mmCIF file of all heavy atoms, coordinates in Angstrom:
data_MODEL
# 
_entry.id   MODEL 
# 
loop_
_atom_site.group_PDB 
_atom_site.id 
_atom_site.type_symbol 
_atom_site.label_atom_id 
_atom_site.label_alt_id 
_atom_site.label_comp_id 
_atom_site.label_asym_id 
_atom_site.label_entity_id 
_atom_site.label_seq_id 
_atom_site.pdbx_PDB_ins_code 
_atom_site.Cartn_x 
_atom_site.Cartn_y 
_atom_site.Cartn_z 
_atom_site.occupancy 
_atom_site.B_iso_or_equiv 
_atom_site.pdbx_formal_charge 
_atom_site.auth_seq_id 
_atom_site.auth_comp_id 
_atom_site.auth_asym_id 
_atom_site.auth_atom_id 
_atom_site.pdbx_PDB_model_num 
ATOM 1   N N   . THR A 1 1  ? -19.063 15.121 -46.438 1.00 0.00 ? 1  THR A N   1 
ATOM 2   C CA  . THR A 1 1  ? -17.603 15.130 -46.506 1.00 0.00 ? 1  THR A CA  1 
ATOM 3   C C   . THR A 1 1  ? -17.062 15.552 -45.151 1.00 0.00 ? 1  THR A C   1 
ATOM 4   O O   . THR A 1 1  ? -17.665 16.363 -44.462 1.00 0.00 ? 1  THR A O   1 
ATOM 5   C CB  . THR A 1 1  ? -17.129 16.122 -47.602 1.00 0.00 ? 1  THR A CB  1 
ATOM 6   O OG1 . THR A 1 1  ? -17.615 15.669 -48.857 1.00 0.00 ? 1  THR A OG1 1 
ATOM 7   C CG2 . THR A 1 1  ? -15.626 16.231 -47.651 1.00 0.00 ? 1  THR A CG2 1 
ATOM 8   N N   . LEU A 1 2  ? -15.914 15.014 -44.802 1.00 0.00 ? 2  LEU A N   1 
ATOM 9   C CA  . LEU A 1 2  ? -15.249 15.364 -43.555 1.00 0.00 ? 2  LEU A CA  1 
ATOM 10  C C   . LEU A 1 2  ? -14.185 16.404 -43.871 1.00 0.00 ? 2  LEU A C   1 
ATOM 11  O O   . LEU A 1 2  ? -13.328 16.185 -44.718 1.00 0.00 ? 2  LEU A O   1 
ATOM 12  C CB  . LEU A 1 2  ? -14.592 14.108 -42.972 1.00 0.00 ? 2  LEU A CB  1 
ATOM 13  C CG  . LEU A 1 2  ? -14.075 14.192 -41.568 1.00 0.00 ? 2  LEU A CG  1 
ATOM 14  C CD1 . LEU A 1 2  ? -15.255 14.085 -40.599 1.00 0.00 ? 2  LEU A CD1 1 
ATOM 15  C CD2 . LEU A 1 2  ? -13.119 13.064 -41.315 1.00 0.00 ? 2  LEU A CD2 1 
ATOM 16  N N   . ASP A 1 3  ? -14.266 17.565 -43.215 1.00 0.00 ? 3  ASP A N   1 
ATOM 17  C CA  . ASP A 1 3  ? -13.262 18.610 -43.401 1.00 0.00 ? 3  ASP A CA  1 
ATOM 18  C C   . ASP A 1 3  ? -12.183 18.413 -42.339 1.00 0.00 ? 3  ASP A C   1 
ATOM 19  O O   . ASP A 1 3  ? -12.356 18.768 -41.184 1.00 0.00 ? 3  ASP A O   1 
ATOM 20  C CB  . ASP A 1 3  ? -13.898 19.994 -43.272 1.00 0.00 ? 3  ASP A CB  1 
ATOM 21  C CG  . ASP A 1 3  ? -12.906 21.131 -43.467 1.00 0.00 ? 3  ASP A CG  1 
ATOM 22  O OD1 . ASP A 1 3  ? -11.715 20.856 -43.728 1.00 0.00 ? 3  ASP A OD1 1 
ATOM 23  O OD2 . ASP A 1 3  ? -13.315 22.300 -43.360 1.00 0.00 ? 3  ASP A OD2 1 
ATOM 24  N N   . GLY A 1 4  ? -11.050 17.871 -42.739 1.00 0.00 ? 4  GLY A N   1 
ATOM 25  C CA  . GLY A 1 4  ? -9.980  17.557 -41.805 1.00 0.00 ? 4  GLY A CA  1 
ATOM 26  C C   . GLY A 1 4  ? -8.896  18.603 -41.756 1.00 0.00 ? 4  GLY A C   1 
ATOM 27  O O   . GLY A 1 4  ? -7.742  18.295 -41.450 1.00 0.00 ? 4  GLY A O   1 
ATOM 28  N N   . SER A 1 5  ? -9.218  19.851 -42.039 1.00 0.00 ? 5  SER A N   1 
ATOM 29  C CA  . SER A 1 5  ? -8.196  20.900 -42.113 1.00 0.00 ? 5  SER A CA  1 
ATOM 30  C C   . SER A 1 5  ? -7.688  21.368 -40.756 1.00 0.00 ? 5  SER A C   1 
ATOM 31  O O   . SER A 1 5  ? -6.659  22.031 -40.688 1.00 0.00 ? 5  SER A O   1 
ATOM 32  C CB  . SER A 1 5  ? -8.717  22.092 -42.915 1.00 0.00 ? 5  SER A CB  1 
ATOM 33  O OG  . SER A 1 5  ? -9.884  22.600 -42.331 1.00 0.00 ? 5  SER A OG  1 
ATOM 34  N N   . SER A 1 6  ? -8.362  21.016 -39.678 1.00 0.00 ? 6  SER A N   1 
ATOM 35  C CA  . SER A 1 6  ? -7.900  21.415 -38.351 1.00 0.00 ? 6  SER A CA  1 
ATOM 36  C C   . SER A 1 6  ? -6.561  20.754 -38.038 1.00 0.00 ? 6  SER A C   1 
ATOM 37  O O   . SER A 1 6  ? -6.348  19.586 -38.321 1.00 0.00 ? 6  SER A O   1 
ATOM 38  C CB  . SER A 1 6  ? -8.929  20.990 -37.302 1.00 0.00 ? 6  SER A CB  1 
ATOM 39  O OG  . SER A 1 6  ? -8.377  21.090 -36.014 1.00 0.00 ? 6  SER A OG  1 
ATOM 40  N N   . ARG A 1 7  ? -5.660  21.507 -37.422 1.00 0.00 ? 7  ARG A N   1 
ATOM 41  C CA  . ARG A 1 7  ? -4.351  20.950 -37.063 1.00 0.00 ? 7  ARG A CA  1 
ATOM 42  C C   . ARG A 1 7  ? -4.460  19.911 -35.953 1.00 0.00 ? 7  ARG A C   1 
ATOM 43  O O   . ARG A 1 7  ? -3.526  19.162 -35.699 1.00 0.00 ? 7  ARG A O   1 
ATOM 44  C CB  . ARG A 1 7  ? -3.379  22.052 -36.686 1.00 0.00 ? 7  ARG A CB  1 
ATOM 45  C CG  . ARG A 1 7  ? -2.963  22.866 -37.884 1.00 0.00 ? 7  ARG A CG  1 
ATOM 46  C CD  . ARG A 1 7  ? -1.753  23.704 -37.557 1.00 0.00 ? 7  ARG A CD  1 
ATOM 47  N NE  . ARG A 1 7  ? -1.413  24.542 -38.678 1.00 0.00 ? 7  ARG A NE  1 
ATOM 48  C CZ  . ARG A 1 7  ? -0.478  24.233 -39.564 1.00 0.00 ? 7  ARG A CZ  1 
ATOM 49  N NH1 . ARG A 1 7  ? 0.176   23.122 -39.453 1.00 0.00 ? 7  ARG A NH1 1 
ATOM 50  N NH2 . ARG A 1 7  ? -0.205  25.056 -40.547 1.00 0.00 ? 7  ARG A NH2 1 
ATOM 51  N N   . ARG A 1 8  ? -5.595  19.872 -35.285 1.00 0.00 ? 8  ARG A N   1 
ATOM 52  C CA  . ARG A 1 8  ? -5.813  18.831 -34.274 1.00 0.00 ? 8  ARG A CA  1 
ATOM 53  C C   . ARG A 1 8  ? -6.048  17.478 -34.920 1.00 0.00 ? 8  ARG A C   1 
ATOM 54  O O   . ARG A 1 8  ? -5.945  16.452 -34.263 1.00 0.00 ? 8  ARG A O   1 
ATOM 55  C CB  . ARG A 1 8  ? -7.000  19.193 -33.399 1.00 0.00 ? 8  ARG A CB  1 
ATOM 56  C CG  . ARG A 1 8  ? -6.644  20.243 -32.383 1.00 0.00 ? 8  ARG A CG  1 
ATOM 57  C CD  . ARG A 1 8  ? -7.653  20.256 -31.283 1.00 0.00 ? 8  ARG A CD  1 
ATOM 58  N NE  . ARG A 1 8  ? -8.472  21.453 -31.411 1.00 0.00 ? 8  ARG A NE  1 
ATOM 59  C CZ  . ARG A 1 8  ? -9.627  21.628 -30.822 1.00 0.00 ? 8  ARG A CZ  1 
ATOM 60  N NH1 . ARG A 1 8  ? -10.136 20.672 -30.083 1.00 0.00 ? 8  ARG A NH1 1 
ATOM 61  N NH2 . ARG A 1 8  ? -10.288 22.743 -30.964 1.00 0.00 ? 8  ARG A NH2 1 
ATOM 62  N N   . ASN A 1 9  ? -6.371  17.473 -36.205 1.00 0.00 ? 9  ASN A N   1 
ATOM 63  C CA  . ASN A 1 9  ? -6.584  16.243 -36.950 1.00 0.00 ? 9  ASN A CA  1 
ATOM 64  C C   . ASN A 1 9  ? -5.216  15.645 -37.308 1.00 0.00 ? 9  ASN A C   1 
ATOM 65  O O   . ASN A 1 9  ? -4.616  15.988 -38.320 1.00 0.00 ? 9  ASN A O   1 
ATOM 66  C CB  . ASN A 1 9  ? -7.398  16.528 -38.217 1.00 0.00 ? 9  ASN A CB  1 
ATOM 67  C CG  . ASN A 1 9  ? -7.511  15.323 -39.105 1.00 0.00 ? 9  ASN A CG  1 
ATOM 68  O OD1 . ASN A 1 9  ? -7.376  14.191 -38.664 1.00 0.00 ? 9  ASN A OD1 1 
ATOM 69  N ND2 . ASN A 1 9  ? -7.756  15.570 -40.377 1.00 0.00 ? 9  ASN A ND2 1 
ATOM 70  N N   . ILE A 1 10 ? -4.725  14.765 -36.486 1.00 0.00 ? 10 ILE A N   1 
ATOM 71  C CA  . ILE A 1 10 ? -3.401  14.191 -36.711 1.00 0.00 ? 10 ILE A CA  1 
ATOM 72  C C   . ILE A 1 10 ? -3.399  13.268 -37.933 1.00 0.00 ? 10 ILE A C   1 
ATOM 73  O O   . ILE A 1 10 ? -2.388  13.128 -38.604 1.00 0.00 ? 10 ILE A O   1 
ATOM 74  C CB  . ILE A 1 10 ? -2.919  13.463 -35.436 1.00 0.00 ? 10 ILE A CB  1 
ATOM 75  C CG1 . ILE A 1 10 ? -2.776  14.505 -34.338 1.00 0.00 ? 10 ILE A CG1 1 
ATOM 76  C CG2 . ILE A 1 10 ? -1.615  12.735 -35.680 1.00 0.00 ? 10 ILE A CG2 1 
ATOM 77  C CD1 . ILE A 1 10 ? -2.413  13.971 -33.008 1.00 0.00 ? 10 ILE A CD1 1 
ATOM 78  N N   . GLY A 1 11 ? -4.537  12.689 -38.268 1.00 0.00 ? 11 GLY A N   1 
ATOM 79  C CA  . GLY A 1 11 ? -4.635  11.815 -39.434 1.00 0.00 ? 11 GLY A CA  1 
ATOM 80  C C   . GLY A 1 11 ? -4.304  12.519 -40.740 1.00 0.00 ? 11 GLY A C   1 
ATOM 81  O O   . GLY A 1 11 ? -3.921  11.888 -41.720 1.00 0.00 ? 11 GLY A O   1 
ATOM 82  N N   . ARG A 1 12 ? -4.410  13.842 -40.760 1.00 0.00 ? 12 ARG A N   1 
ATOM 83  C CA  . ARG A 1 12 ? -4.117  14.597 -41.989 1.00 0.00 ? 12 ARG A CA  1 
ATOM 84  C C   . ARG A 1 12 ? -2.642  14.540 -42.367 1.00 0.00 ? 12 ARG A C   1 
ATOM 85  O O   . ARG A 1 12 ? -2.273  14.833 -43.488 1.00 0.00 ? 12 ARG A O   1 
ATOM 86  C CB  . ARG A 1 12 ? -4.570  16.050 -41.846 1.00 0.00 ? 12 ARG A CB  1 
ATOM 87  C CG  . ARG A 1 12 ? -3.636  16.915 -41.049 1.00 0.00 ? 12 ARG A CG  1 
ATOM 88  C CD  . ARG A 1 12 ? -4.155  18.297 -40.844 1.00 0.00 ? 12 ARG A CD  1 
ATOM 89  N NE  . ARG A 1 12 ? -3.145  19.282 -41.232 1.00 0.00 ? 12 ARG A NE  1 
ATOM 90  C CZ  . ARG A 1 12 ? -3.380  20.534 -41.480 1.00 0.00 ? 12 ARG A CZ  1 
ATOM 91  N NH1 . ARG A 1 12 ? -4.581  21.009 -41.409 1.00 0.00 ? 12 ARG A NH1 1 
ATOM 92  N NH2 . ARG A 1 12 ? -2.422  21.343 -41.833 1.00 0.00 ? 12 ARG A NH2 1 
ATOM 93  N N   . TYR A 1 13 ? -1.771  14.163 -41.436 1.00 0.00 ? 13 TYR A N   1 
ATOM 94  C CA  . TYR A 1 13 ? -0.335  14.106 -41.714 1.00 0.00 ? 13 TYR A CA  1 
ATOM 95  C C   . TYR A 1 13 ? 0.097   12.800 -42.377 1.00 0.00 ? 13 TYR A C   1 
ATOM 96  O O   . TYR A 1 13 ? 1.252   12.677 -42.783 1.00 0.00 ? 13 TYR A O   1 
ATOM 97  C CB  . TYR A 1 13 ? 0.459   14.355 -40.428 1.00 0.00 ? 13 TYR A CB  1 
ATOM 98  C CG  . TYR A 1 13 ? 0.217   15.733 -39.878 1.00 0.00 ? 13 TYR A CG  1 
ATOM 99  C CD1 . TYR A 1 13 ? -0.541  15.929 -38.740 1.00 0.00 ? 13 TYR A CD1 1 
ATOM 100 C CD2 . TYR A 1 13 ? 0.721   16.851 -40.525 1.00 0.00 ? 13 TYR A CD2 1 
ATOM 101 C CE1 . TYR A 1 13 ? -0.783  17.200 -38.241 1.00 0.00 ? 13 TYR A CE1 1 
ATOM 102 C CE2 . TYR A 1 13 ? 0.482   18.131 -40.035 1.00 0.00 ? 13 TYR A CE2 1 
ATOM 103 C CZ  . TYR A 1 13 ? -0.266  18.291 -38.895 1.00 0.00 ? 13 TYR A CZ  1 
ATOM 104 O OH  . TYR A 1 13 ? -0.507  19.551 -38.420 1.00 0.00 ? 13 TYR A OH  1 
ATOM 105 N N   . ALA A 1 14 ? -0.787  11.833 -42.486 1.00 0.00 ? 14 ALA A N   1 
ATOM 106 C CA  . ALA A 1 14 ? -0.472  10.600 -43.210 1.00 0.00 ? 14 ALA A CA  1 
ATOM 107 C C   . ALA A 1 14 ? -0.470  10.942 -44.698 1.00 0.00 ? 14 ALA A C   1 
ATOM 108 O O   . ALA A 1 14 ? -1.455  11.442 -45.231 1.00 0.00 ? 14 ALA A O   1 
ATOM 109 C CB  . ALA A 1 14 ? -1.495  9.517  -42.903 1.00 0.00 ? 14 ALA A CB  1 
ATOM 110 N N   . ASN A 1 15 ? 0.644   10.716 -45.364 1.00 0.00 ? 15 ASN A N   1 
ATOM 111 C CA  . ASN A 1 15 ? 0.801   11.104 -46.763 1.00 0.00 ? 15 ASN A CA  1 
ATOM 112 C C   . ASN A 1 15 ? 0.334   10.026 -47.729 1.00 0.00 ? 15 ASN A C   1 
ATOM 113 O O   . ASN A 1 15 ? 0.101   8.883  -47.351 1.00 0.00 ? 15 ASN A O   1 
ATOM 114 C CB  . ASN A 1 15 ? 2.269   11.454 -47.039 1.00 0.00 ? 15 ASN A CB  1 
ATOM 115 C CG  . ASN A 1 15 ? 2.654   12.777 -46.437 1.00 0.00 ? 15 ASN A CG  1 
ATOM 116 O OD1 . ASN A 1 15 ? 1.892   13.737 -46.483 1.00 0.00 ? 15 ASN A OD1 1 
ATOM 117 N ND2 . ASN A 1 15 ? 3.837   12.840 -45.839 1.00 0.00 ? 15 ASN A ND2 1 
ATOM 118 N N   . HIS A 1 16 ? 0.251   10.418 -49.001 1.00 0.00 ? 16 HIS A N   1 
ATOM 119 C CA  . HIS A 1 16 ? -0.165  9.519  -50.079 1.00 0.00 ? 16 HIS A CA  1 
ATOM 120 C C   . HIS A 1 16 ? 0.989   8.633  -50.513 1.00 0.00 ? 16 HIS A C   1 
ATOM 121 O O   . HIS A 1 16 ? 2.141   9.044  -50.522 1.00 0.00 ? 16 HIS A O   1 
ATOM 122 C CB  . HIS A 1 16 ? -0.630  10.343 -51.284 1.00 0.00 ? 16 HIS A CB  1 
ATOM 123 C CG  . HIS A 1 16 ? -0.744  9.522  -52.530 1.00 0.00 ? 16 HIS A CG  1 
ATOM 124 N ND1 . HIS A 1 16 ? -1.835  8.739  -52.793 1.00 0.00 ? 16 HIS A ND1 1 
ATOM 125 C CD2 . HIS A 1 16 ? 0.121   9.333  -53.548 1.00 0.00 ? 16 HIS A CD2 1 
ATOM 126 C CE1 . HIS A 1 16 ? -1.640  8.124  -53.944 1.00 0.00 ? 16 HIS A CE1 1 
ATOM 127 N NE2 . HIS A 1 16 ? -0.467  8.466  -54.422 1.00 0.00 ? 16 HIS A NE2 1 
ATOM 128 N N   . SER A 1 17 ? 0.660   7.412  -50.903 1.00 0.00 ? 17 SER A N   1 
ATOM 129 C CA  . SER A 1 17 ? 1.616   6.526  -51.551 1.00 0.00 ? 17 SER A CA  1 
ATOM 130 C C   . SER A 1 17 ? 0.852   5.629  -52.506 1.00 0.00 ? 17 SER A C   1 
ATOM 131 O O   . SER A 1 17 ? -0.282  5.239  -52.228 1.00 0.00 ? 17 SER A O   1 
ATOM 132 C CB  . SER A 1 17 ? 2.353   5.664  -50.532 1.00 0.00 ? 17 SER A CB  1 
ATOM 133 O OG  . SER A 1 17 ? 3.216   4.761  -51.204 1.00 0.00 ? 17 SER A OG  1 
ATOM 134 N N   . CYS A 1 18 ? 1.480   5.315  -53.626 1.00 0.00 ? 18 CYS A N   1 
ATOM 135 C CA  . CYS A 1 18 ? 0.868   4.388  -54.579 1.00 0.00 ? 18 CYS A CA  1 
ATOM 136 C C   . CYS A 1 18 ? 1.011   2.940  -54.100 1.00 0.00 ? 18 CYS A C   1 
ATOM 137 O O   . CYS A 1 18 ? 0.318   2.057  -54.584 1.00 0.00 ? 18 CYS A O   1 
ATOM 138 C CB  . CYS A 1 18 ? 1.496   4.567  -55.953 1.00 0.00 ? 18 CYS A CB  1 
ATOM 139 S SG  . CYS A 1 18 ? 1.122   6.184  -56.662 1.00 0.00 ? 18 CYS A SG  1 
ATOM 140 N N   . ARG A 1 19 ? 1.946   2.710  -53.171 1.00 0.00 ? 19 ARG A N   1 
ATOM 141 C CA  . ARG A 1 19 ? 2.098   1.398  -52.515 1.00 0.00 ? 19 ARG A CA  1 
ATOM 142 C C   . ARG A 1 19 ? 2.058   1.633  -51.010 1.00 0.00 ? 19 ARG A C   1 
ATOM 143 O O   . ARG A 1 19 ? 3.076   1.628  -50.336 1.00 0.00 ? 19 ARG A O   1 
ATOM 144 C CB  . ARG A 1 19 ? 3.407   0.741  -52.923 1.00 0.00 ? 19 ARG A CB  1 
ATOM 145 C CG  . ARG A 1 19 ? 3.388   0.365  -54.392 1.00 0.00 ? 19 ARG A CG  1 
ATOM 146 C CD  . ARG A 1 19 ? 4.419   -0.613 -54.783 1.00 0.00 ? 19 ARG A CD  1 
ATOM 147 N NE  . ARG A 1 19 ? 4.318   -1.832 -54.002 1.00 0.00 ? 19 ARG A NE  1 
ATOM 148 C CZ  . ARG A 1 19 ? 5.315   -2.678 -53.871 1.00 0.00 ? 19 ARG A CZ  1 
ATOM 149 N NH1 . ARG A 1 19 ? 6.469   -2.440 -54.436 1.00 0.00 ? 19 ARG A NH1 1 
ATOM 150 N NH2 . ARG A 1 19 ? 5.174   -3.772 -53.156 1.00 0.00 ? 19 ARG A NH2 1 
ATOM 151 N N   . PRO A 1 20 ? 0.850   1.853  -50.466 1.00 0.00 ? 20 PRO A N   1 
ATOM 152 C CA  . PRO A 1 20 ? 0.717   2.256  -49.066 1.00 0.00 ? 20 PRO A CA  1 
ATOM 153 C C   . PRO A 1 20 ? 0.925   1.109  -48.088 1.00 0.00 ? 20 PRO A C   1 
ATOM 154 O O   . PRO A 1 20 ? 0.855   -0.066 -48.454 1.00 0.00 ? 20 PRO A O   1 
ATOM 155 C CB  . PRO A 1 20 ? -0.718  2.761  -49.002 1.00 0.00 ? 20 PRO A CB  1 
ATOM 156 C CG  . PRO A 1 20 ? -1.434  1.975  -50.034 1.00 0.00 ? 20 PRO A CG  1 
ATOM 157 C CD  . PRO A 1 20 ? -0.443  1.786  -51.151 1.00 0.00 ? 20 PRO A CD  1 
ATOM 158 N N   . ASN A 1 21 ? 1.146   1.482  -46.815 1.00 0.00 ? 21 ASN A N   1 
ATOM 159 C CA  . ASN A 1 21 ? 1.234   0.484  -45.759 1.00 0.00 ? 21 ASN A CA  1 
ATOM 160 C C   . ASN A 1 21 ? 0.041   0.592  -44.801 1.00 0.00 ? 21 ASN A C   1 
ATOM 161 O O   . ASN A 1 21 ? -0.034  -0.130 -43.827 1.00 0.00 ? 21 ASN A O   1 
ATOM 162 C CB  . ASN A 1 21 ? 2.558   0.612  -44.993 1.00 0.00 ? 21 ASN A CB  1 
ATOM 163 C CG  . ASN A 1 21 ? 2.797   1.991  -44.447 1.00 0.00 ? 21 ASN A CG  1 
ATOM 164 O OD1 . ASN A 1 21 ? 1.888   2.811  -44.362 1.00 0.00 ? 21 ASN A OD1 1 
ATOM 165 N ND2 . ASN A 1 21 ? 4.033   2.274  -44.091 1.00 0.00 ? 21 ASN A ND2 1 
ATOM 166 N N   . ALA A 1 22 ? -0.869  1.511  -45.103 1.00 0.00 ? 22 ALA A N   1 
ATOM 167 C CA  . ALA A 1 22 ? -2.067  1.685  -44.280 1.00 0.00 ? 22 ALA A CA  1 
ATOM 168 C C   . ALA A 1 22 ? -3.265  1.958  -45.195 1.00 0.00 ? 22 ALA A C   1 
ATOM 169 O O   . ALA A 1 22 ? -3.094  2.215  -46.389 1.00 0.00 ? 22 ALA A O   1 
ATOM 170 C CB  . ALA A 1 22 ? -1.880  2.841  -43.309 1.00 0.00 ? 22 ALA A CB  1 
ATOM 171 N N   . GLU A 1 23 ? -4.443  1.885  -44.613 1.00 0.00 ? 23 GLU A N   1 
ATOM 172 C CA  . GLU A 1 23 ? -5.669  2.157  -45.373 1.00 0.00 ? 23 GLU A CA  1 
ATOM 173 C C   . GLU A 1 23 ? -6.664  2.855  -44.464 1.00 0.00 ? 23 GLU A C   1 
ATOM 174 O O   . GLU A 1 23 ? -6.536  2.823  -43.244 1.00 0.00 ? 23 GLU A O   1 
ATOM 175 C CB  . GLU A 1 23 ? -6.264  0.863  -45.920 1.00 0.00 ? 23 GLU A CB  1 
ATOM 176 C CG  . GLU A 1 23 ? -6.745  -0.092 -44.841 1.00 0.00 ? 23 GLU A CG  1 
ATOM 177 C CD  . GLU A 1 23 ? -7.254  -1.415 -45.390 1.00 0.00 ? 23 GLU A CD  1 
ATOM 178 O OE1 . GLU A 1 23 ? -7.516  -1.498 -46.596 1.00 0.00 ? 23 GLU A OE1 1 
ATOM 179 O OE2 . GLU A 1 23 ? -7.388  -2.359 -44.595 1.00 0.00 ? 23 GLU A OE2 1 
ATOM 180 N N   . THR A 1 24 ? -7.649  3.493  -45.075 1.00 0.00 ? 24 THR A N   1 
ATOM 181 C CA  . THR A 1 24 ? -8.693  4.141  -44.286 1.00 0.00 ? 24 THR A CA  1 
ATOM 182 C C   . THR A 1 24 ? -9.925  3.253  -44.275 1.00 0.00 ? 24 THR A C   1 
ATOM 183 O O   . THR A 1 24 ? -10.239 2.596  -45.272 1.00 0.00 ? 24 THR A O   1 
ATOM 184 C CB  . THR A 1 24 ? -9.064  5.524  -44.854 1.00 0.00 ? 24 THR A CB  1 
ATOM 185 O OG1 . THR A 1 24 ? -9.459  5.366  -46.211 1.00 0.00 ? 24 THR A OG1 1 
ATOM 186 C CG2 . THR A 1 24 ? -7.903  6.482  -44.756 1.00 0.00 ? 24 THR A CG2 1 
ATOM 187 N N   . VAL A 1 25 ? -10.609 3.254  -43.144 1.00 0.00 ? 25 VAL A N   1 
ATOM 188 C CA  . VAL A 1 25 ? -11.824 2.474  -42.971 1.00 0.00 ? 25 VAL A CA  1 
ATOM 189 C C   . VAL A 1 25 ? -12.844 3.383  -42.296 1.00 0.00 ? 25 VAL A C   1 
ATOM 190 O O   . VAL A 1 25 ? -12.520 4.057  -41.322 1.00 0.00 ? 25 VAL A O   1 
ATOM 191 C CB  . VAL A 1 25 ? -11.561 1.240  -42.075 1.00 0.00 ? 25 VAL A CB  1 
ATOM 192 C CG1 . VAL A 1 25 ? -12.832 0.460  -41.844 1.00 0.00 ? 25 VAL A CG1 1 
ATOM 193 C CG2 . VAL A 1 25 ? -10.486 0.362  -42.671 1.00 0.00 ? 25 VAL A CG2 1 
ATOM 194 N N   . ILE A 1 26 ? -14.060 3.405  -42.839 1.00 0.00 ? 26 ILE A N   1 
ATOM 195 C CA  . ILE A 1 26 ? -15.132 4.173  -42.200 1.00 0.00 ? 26 ILE A CA  1 
ATOM 196 C C   . ILE A 1 26 ? -15.857 3.213  -41.266 1.00 0.00 ? 26 ILE A C   1 
ATOM 197 O O   . ILE A 1 26 ? -16.412 2.203  -41.701 1.00 0.00 ? 26 ILE A O   1 
ATOM 198 C CB  . ILE A 1 26 ? -16.088 4.789  -43.232 1.00 0.00 ? 26 ILE A CB  1 
ATOM 199 C CG1 . ILE A 1 26 ? -15.312 5.747  -44.136 1.00 0.00 ? 26 ILE A CG1 1 
ATOM 200 C CG2 . ILE A 1 26 ? -17.242 5.509  -42.534 1.00 0.00 ? 26 ILE A CG2 1 
ATOM 201 C CD1 . ILE A 1 26 ? -16.109 6.311  -45.285 1.00 0.00 ? 26 ILE A CD1 1 
ATOM 202 N N   . TYR A 1 27 ? -15.810 3.527  -39.970 1.00 0.00 ? 27 TYR A N   1 
ATOM 203 C CA  . TYR A 1 27 ? -16.391 2.664  -38.949 1.00 0.00 ? 27 TYR A CA  1 
ATOM 204 C C   . TYR A 1 27 ? -17.231 3.518  -38.015 1.00 0.00 ? 27 TYR A C   1 
ATOM 205 O O   . TYR A 1 27 ? -16.712 4.433  -37.371 1.00 0.00 ? 27 TYR A O   1 
ATOM 206 C CB  . TYR A 1 27 ? -15.268 1.950  -38.175 1.00 0.00 ? 27 TYR A CB  1 
ATOM 207 C CG  . TYR A 1 27 ? -15.744 1.057  -37.068 1.00 0.00 ? 27 TYR A CG  1 
ATOM 208 C CD1 . TYR A 1 27 ? -16.338 -0.170 -37.349 1.00 0.00 ? 27 TYR A CD1 1 
ATOM 209 C CD2 . TYR A 1 27 ? -15.616 1.448  -35.747 1.00 0.00 ? 27 TYR A CD2 1 
ATOM 210 C CE1 . TYR A 1 27 ? -16.771 -0.995 -36.340 1.00 0.00 ? 27 TYR A CE1 1 
ATOM 211 C CE2 . TYR A 1 27 ? -16.044 0.624  -34.715 1.00 0.00 ? 27 TYR A CE2 1 
ATOM 212 C CZ  . TYR A 1 27 ? -16.629 -0.597 -35.015 1.00 0.00 ? 27 TYR A CZ  1 
ATOM 213 O OH  . TYR A 1 27 ? -17.065 -1.413 -34.007 1.00 0.00 ? 27 TYR A OH  1 
# 
């Protein structure tokens, strides 16, 4: 698991939506 609790992790500010405009991809 990735612990993204650091404030340097800007991706953590992307919020949840049931109709999103973005997605996550593991690359």
